[in-house]
């Protein structure tokens, strides 16, 4: 086949091919618009998903506060009480001496506050001879002063306000310092009665407990803590009217290397202090 014959054959084949129909301008424009609409919808959905994830992340950061300085749960307040219709109603803090509800659990004036101060005075009065109780420095603002006292609303049980008085005193002998603490729960509290079960309720601490008999009364005394060593020994007693008294002692105050060689009270003395009327408060 020469060149002329090759060209004739190619022309013949091209003429036999049916060309595609021309695309109308309206159809082309509609197709382009549909494509653009699909792209916009895709971007809008993606943006909504990002927004949802962002809001969720903010909410989680605000509630967990794990290592981020976020919100942390506050101490529990009085729970809601059933109202006359069975619905929960807000329970206010106890009324202070000004006739208005307290701002929080702590009584900063009035009879309850005075009871906690009195408890501290009674602790100082029973410190054995040979020990001194350092005074708080003027204007002292740290979290560990030598003398402390506090009255806190603890619970409301069957319409009765239960209060907790906690007072402590650093006790010093020569250049070594320990601590004695007394905590009293007023009547109506939910604490148990069995001596050692009651004693182990103190601050949730656990330890080896002995039952010591004082004048025919059985008193629980933890003589050795098992894990938590904030205190070395403590006793507990439930008075006949339901008031509970804890008495605790530890050889250290702030620096373990300067702790007491011996605890201020023997185990029998610690048991007797738990039922001492001076620590029987309402």
Protein backbone atom coordinates (compact mmCIF):
# COMPACT_ATOMS: atom_id res chain seq x y z
CA UNK A 1 0.00 0.00 0.00
CA UNK A 2 1.40 3.38 -1.07
CA UNK A 3 0.95 6.65 0.83
CA UNK A 4 -2.06 7.76 -1.17
CA UNK A 5 -3.90 4.51 -0.44
CA UNK A 6 -3.05 4.81 3.34
CA UNK A 7 -4.58 8.28 3.55
CA UNK A 8 -7.74 7.14 1.78
CA UNK A 9 -8.14 4.28 4.26
CA UNK A 10 -7.76 6.58 7.29
CA UNK A 11 -10.35 9.03 5.96
CA UNK A 12 -12.75 6.15 5.38
CA UNK A 13 -12.39 4.88 9.02
CA UNK A 14 -12.81 8.37 10.55
CA UNK A 15 -15.97 8.97 8.57
CA UNK A 16 -17.46 5.73 9.93
CA UNK A 17 -17.09 6.89 13.60
CA UNK A 18 -20.30 8.50 15.05
CA UNK A 19 -19.39 11.76 16.93
CA UNK A 20 -20.84 12.30 20.45
CA UNK A 21 -23.85 14.62 20.64
CA UNK A 22 -22.98 18.22 21.44
CA UNK A 23 -23.40 19.23 25.14
CA UNK A 24 -26.01 21.89 25.54
CA UNK A 25 -24.95 25.04 27.38
CA UNK A 26 -27.81 24.75 29.89
CA UNK A 27 -26.89 21.15 30.71
CA UNK A 28 -23.22 22.05 31.20
CA UNK A 29 -24.13 24.95 33.53
CA UNK A 30 -26.49 22.76 35.59
CA UNK A 31 -23.85 20.07 35.98
CA UNK A 32 -21.30 22.63 37.15
CA UNK A 33 -23.74 24.08 39.70
CA UNK A 34 -24.58 20.63 41.07
CA UNK A 35 -20.89 19.85 41.50
CA UNK A 36 -20.30 23.13 43.34
CA UNK A 37 -23.32 22.52 45.61
CA UNK A 38 -22.03 19.07 46.52
CA UNK A 39 -18.65 20.55 47.43
CA UNK A 40 -20.25 23.25 49.63
CA UNK A 41 -22.38 20.66 51.44
CA UNK A 42 -19.30 18.56 52.12
CA UNK A 43 -17.43 21.52 53.60
CA UNK A 44 -20.45 22.51 55.75
CA UNK A 45 -20.73 19.00 57.20
CA UNK A 46 -17.05 18.90 57.93
CA UNK A 47 -17.24 22.29 59.63
CA UNK A 48 -20.19 21.17 61.78
CA UNK A 49 -18.31 18.07 62.88
CA UNK A 50 -15.32 20.16 63.88
CA UNK A 51 -17.57 22.53 65.83
CA UNK A 52 -19.22 19.65 67.71
CA UNK A 53 -15.84 18.15 68.58
CA UNK A 54 -14.57 21.53 69.75
CA UNK A 55 -17.57 22.12 72.04
CA UNK A 56 -17.26 18.60 73.45
CA UNK A 57 -13.58 19.17 74.11
CA UNK A 58 -14.29 22.40 75.97
CA UNK A 59 -16.97 20.72 78.07
CA UNK A 60 -14.68 17.87 79.03
CA UNK A 61 -11.84 20.21 79.87
CA UNK A 62 -14.16 22.18 82.13
CA UNK A 63 -15.42 19.18 84.09
CA UNK A 64 -12.49 16.82 84.47
CA UNK A 65 -9.74 19.24 85.46
CA UNK A 66 -7.27 16.37 85.44
CA UNK A 67 -3.89 18.04 85.50
CA UNK A 68 -5.16 21.06 83.60
CA UNK A 69 -6.19 23.39 86.38
CA UNK A 70 -9.85 22.90 85.42
CA UNK A 71 -12.88 22.65 87.68
CA UNK A 72 -12.50 20.43 90.69
CA UNK A 73 -15.31 19.12 92.90
CA UNK A 74 -15.93 21.16 96.04
CA UNK A 75 -16.60 19.64 99.45
CA UNK A 76 -20.05 18.12 99.80
CA UNK A 77 -22.76 20.33 101.22
CA UNK A 78 -26.01 19.35 102.85
CA UNK A 79 -28.01 17.11 100.54
CA UNK A 80 -31.57 17.80 99.43
CA UNK A 81 -34.34 16.83 101.82
CA UNK A 82 -37.73 15.46 100.74
CA UNK A 83 -40.35 18.19 100.84
CA UNK A 84 -44.03 17.82 101.71
CA UNK A 85 -44.86 16.66 98.17
CA UNK A 86 -41.94 14.24 98.00
CA UNK A 87 -39.86 16.60 95.83
CA UNK A 88 -36.32 17.56 96.80
CA UNK A 89 -35.93 20.98 98.37
CA UNK A 90 -32.66 22.84 98.91
CA UNK A 91 -31.31 22.55 102.44
CA UNK A 92 -29.67 25.77 103.68
CA UNK A 93 -26.61 25.89 105.89
CA UNK A 94 -27.34 26.23 109.63
CA UNK A 95 -28.28 29.70 110.84
CA UNK A 96 -25.43 31.79 112.22
CA UNK A 97 -25.54 34.23 115.13
CA UNK A 98 -26.64 37.00 112.75
CA UNK A 99 -29.85 35.09 111.98
CA UNK A 100 -28.79 34.26 108.42
CA UNK A 101 -27.53 30.93 106.97
CA UNK A 102 -23.79 30.34 107.18
CA UNK A 103 -21.72 30.73 104.01
CA UNK A 104 -20.31 27.21 104.33
CA UNK A 105 -19.87 24.40 106.88
CA UNK A 106 -17.68 26.34 109.30
CA UNK A 107 -19.13 28.40 112.16
CA UNK A 108 -16.95 31.49 112.53
CA UNK A 109 -18.87 33.01 115.43
CA UNK A 110 -21.58 32.07 117.87
CA UNK A 111 -22.14 29.13 120.23
CA UNK A 112 -20.72 26.45 117.93
CA UNK A 113 -17.53 28.40 117.32
CA UNK A 114 -17.17 28.97 121.04
CA UNK A 115 -17.52 25.24 121.73
CA UNK A 116 -14.54 24.50 119.47
CA UNK A 117 -12.46 27.13 121.27
CA UNK A 118 -13.47 25.62 124.59
CA UNK A 119 -12.39 22.20 123.33
CA UNK A 120 -8.93 23.58 122.57
CA UNK A 121 -8.71 25.01 126.08
CA UNK A 122 -9.59 21.61 127.54
CA UNK A 123 -6.87 19.92 125.46
CA UNK A 124 -4.28 22.36 126.79
CA UNK A 125 -5.52 21.71 130.33
CA UNK A 126 -4.87 17.94 130.12
CA UNK A 127 -1.38 18.13 128.57
CA UNK A 128 0.93 16.24 130.96
CA UNK A 129 3.48 18.01 133.12
CA UNK A 130 6.81 18.51 131.39
CA UNK A 131 5.17 19.51 128.10
CA UNK A 132 4.36 22.99 126.85
CA UNK A 133 1.88 24.15 124.21
CA UNK A 134 3.38 26.81 121.91
CA UNK A 135 1.31 29.89 121.19
CA UNK A 136 0.31 30.82 117.66
CA UNK A 137 2.52 33.57 116.30
CA UNK A 138 0.89 36.98 115.91
CA UNK A 139 -0.65 37.23 112.46
CA UNK A 140 0.18 33.60 111.65
CA UNK A 141 -1.44 32.60 108.37
CA UNK A 142 0.09 29.21 107.52
CA UNK A 143 -1.97 26.01 107.38
CA UNK A 144 -0.27 24.35 110.35
CA UNK A 145 -0.36 26.62 113.43
CA UNK A 146 0.42 25.12 116.86
CA UNK A 147 -3.15 25.69 118.09
CA UNK A 148 -6.26 25.12 116.00
CA UNK A 149 -10.01 24.92 116.62
CA UNK A 150 -12.91 24.55 114.23
CA UNK A 151 -16.65 23.88 114.40
CA UNK A 152 -18.22 22.41 111.27
CA UNK A 153 -21.73 21.37 110.36
CA UNK A 154 -21.43 17.66 109.53
CA UNK A 155 -24.88 16.28 108.74
CA UNK A 156 -28.62 16.50 109.38
CA UNK A 157 -30.05 13.21 110.64
CA UNK A 158 -33.81 12.93 111.19
CA UNK A 159 -34.09 16.67 111.62
CA UNK A 160 -31.13 16.92 114.06
CA UNK A 161 -28.06 19.00 113.13
CA UNK A 162 -24.87 17.03 113.75
CA UNK A 163 -21.77 19.14 114.40
CA UNK A 164 -18.10 18.21 114.42
CA UNK A 165 -15.67 20.05 116.69
CA UNK A 166 -11.99 19.56 115.92
CA UNK A 167 -9.24 21.14 117.99
CA UNK A 168 -5.54 20.36 118.24
CA UNK A 169 -2.46 21.53 120.09
CA UNK A 170 1.23 21.09 119.43
CA UNK A 171 2.95 19.66 122.52
CA UNK A 172 6.65 20.37 123.05
CA UNK A 173 9.21 18.78 125.29
CA UNK A 174 12.67 20.32 125.22
CA UNK A 175 13.34 20.86 121.49
CA UNK A 176 10.96 18.15 120.21
CA UNK A 177 7.31 18.60 119.23
CA UNK A 178 4.31 16.34 118.70
CA UNK A 179 0.55 16.88 118.50
CA UNK A 180 -2.64 16.03 120.39
CA UNK A 181 -6.05 16.32 118.72
CA UNK A 182 -9.63 15.87 119.93
CA UNK A 183 -12.61 15.54 117.63
CA UNK A 184 -16.22 15.45 118.87
CA UNK A 185 -19.38 14.54 116.95
CA UNK A 186 -22.60 15.73 118.57
CA UNK A 187 -25.57 13.45 119.16
CA UNK A 188 -27.51 12.16 116.17
CA UNK A 189 -24.38 11.12 114.27
CA UNK A 190 -24.34 7.91 112.23
CA UNK A 191 -21.11 6.50 113.69
CA UNK A 192 -21.08 2.86 114.87
CA UNK A 193 -21.15 1.69 118.47
CA UNK A 194 -18.77 -1.30 118.67
CA UNK A 195 -15.50 0.02 120.23
CA UNK A 196 -12.96 -0.92 117.56
CA UNK A 197 -15.32 -0.37 114.64
CA UNK A 198 -15.98 3.10 116.00
CA UNK A 199 -12.30 3.85 116.58
CA UNK A 200 -11.39 2.93 113.00
CA UNK A 201 -13.86 5.54 111.72
CA UNK A 202 -11.46 8.31 112.71
CA UNK A 203 -10.42 10.05 109.48
CA UNK A 204 -10.80 6.72 107.66
CA UNK A 205 -7.54 5.55 109.21
CA UNK A 206 -6.93 1.88 109.96
CA UNK A 207 -4.73 0.17 112.52
CA UNK A 208 -4.30 -2.47 115.20
CA UNK A 209 -7.08 -1.89 117.74
CA UNK A 210 -7.29 -2.95 121.36
CA UNK A 211 -10.27 -2.73 123.70
CA UNK A 212 -9.27 -1.10 126.98
CA UNK A 213 -11.59 -1.22 129.98
CA UNK A 214 -11.87 2.01 131.96
CA UNK A 215 -14.09 1.82 135.05
CA UNK A 216 -16.07 -1.02 133.52
CA UNK A 217 -16.46 0.77 130.15
CA UNK A 218 -14.92 -0.67 127.00
CA UNK A 219 -12.94 1.86 124.94
CA UNK A 220 -11.39 1.17 121.54
CA UNK A 221 -7.78 2.30 121.05
CA UNK A 222 -5.75 1.96 117.86
CA UNK A 223 -2.24 1.40 119.18
CA UNK A 224 -0.51 1.17 115.81
CA UNK A 225 -1.57 2.48 112.39
CA UNK A 226 -1.26 0.10 109.47
CA UNK A 227 -0.74 2.50 106.55
CA UNK A 228 -1.83 6.08 107.28
CA UNK A 229 0.50 7.52 109.93
CA UNK A 230 -0.93 10.99 110.39
CA UNK A 231 -1.50 9.87 113.98
CA UNK A 232 0.27 7.15 115.90
CA UNK A 233 -2.50 6.27 118.38
CA UNK A 234 -6.13 7.26 118.89
CA UNK A 235 -9.11 6.29 121.01
CA UNK A 236 -12.89 6.63 120.63
CA UNK A 237 -15.91 6.54 122.90
CA UNK A 238 -19.65 6.87 122.33
CA UNK A 239 -21.33 8.52 125.30
CA UNK A 240 -24.75 7.26 126.42
CA UNK A 241 -26.45 10.25 124.72
CA UNK A 242 -24.75 9.43 121.38
CA UNK A 243 -21.95 12.02 121.44
CA UNK A 244 -18.71 10.52 120.06
CA UNK A 245 -15.25 11.65 121.15
CA UNK A 246 -11.95 10.80 119.42
CA UNK A 247 -8.59 11.56 121.05
CA UNK A 248 -5.44 11.21 118.91
CA UNK A 249 -1.72 11.73 119.41
CA UNK A 250 1.35 11.69 117.21
CA UNK A 251 5.04 12.21 118.04
CA UNK A 252 5.54 14.59 115.10
CA UNK A 253 4.27 18.07 114.38
CA UNK A 254 5.85 19.43 111.22
CA UNK A 255 9.40 18.02 111.07
CA UNK A 256 9.74 14.26 111.76
CA UNK A 257 13.41 14.62 112.71
CA UNK A 258 12.32 16.82 115.63
CA UNK A 259 9.50 14.58 116.84
CA UNK A 260 8.91 13.49 120.42
CA UNK A 261 10.81 10.53 121.78
CA UNK A 262 7.75 9.35 123.72
CA UNK A 263 4.06 9.98 123.17
CA UNK A 264 2.42 12.27 125.75
CA UNK A 265 -0.18 9.71 126.92
CA UNK A 266 -0.08 6.00 127.64
CA UNK A 267 -2.69 3.75 126.05
CA UNK A 268 -4.84 3.59 129.25
CA UNK A 269 -4.63 7.39 129.58
CA UNK A 270 -5.66 7.84 125.96
CA UNK A 271 -8.66 5.57 126.54
CA UNK A 272 -9.69 7.46 129.68
CA UNK A 273 -9.50 10.81 127.87
CA UNK A 274 -12.02 9.65 125.26
CA UNK A 275 -14.69 9.38 127.96
CA UNK A 276 -13.59 12.47 129.89
CA UNK A 277 -16.54 14.80 130.47
CA UNK A 278 -14.43 17.77 129.46
CA UNK A 279 -14.59 16.46 125.85
CA UNK A 280 -18.32 15.71 126.01
CA UNK A 281 -19.77 18.57 123.97
CA UNK A 282 -23.09 19.44 122.38
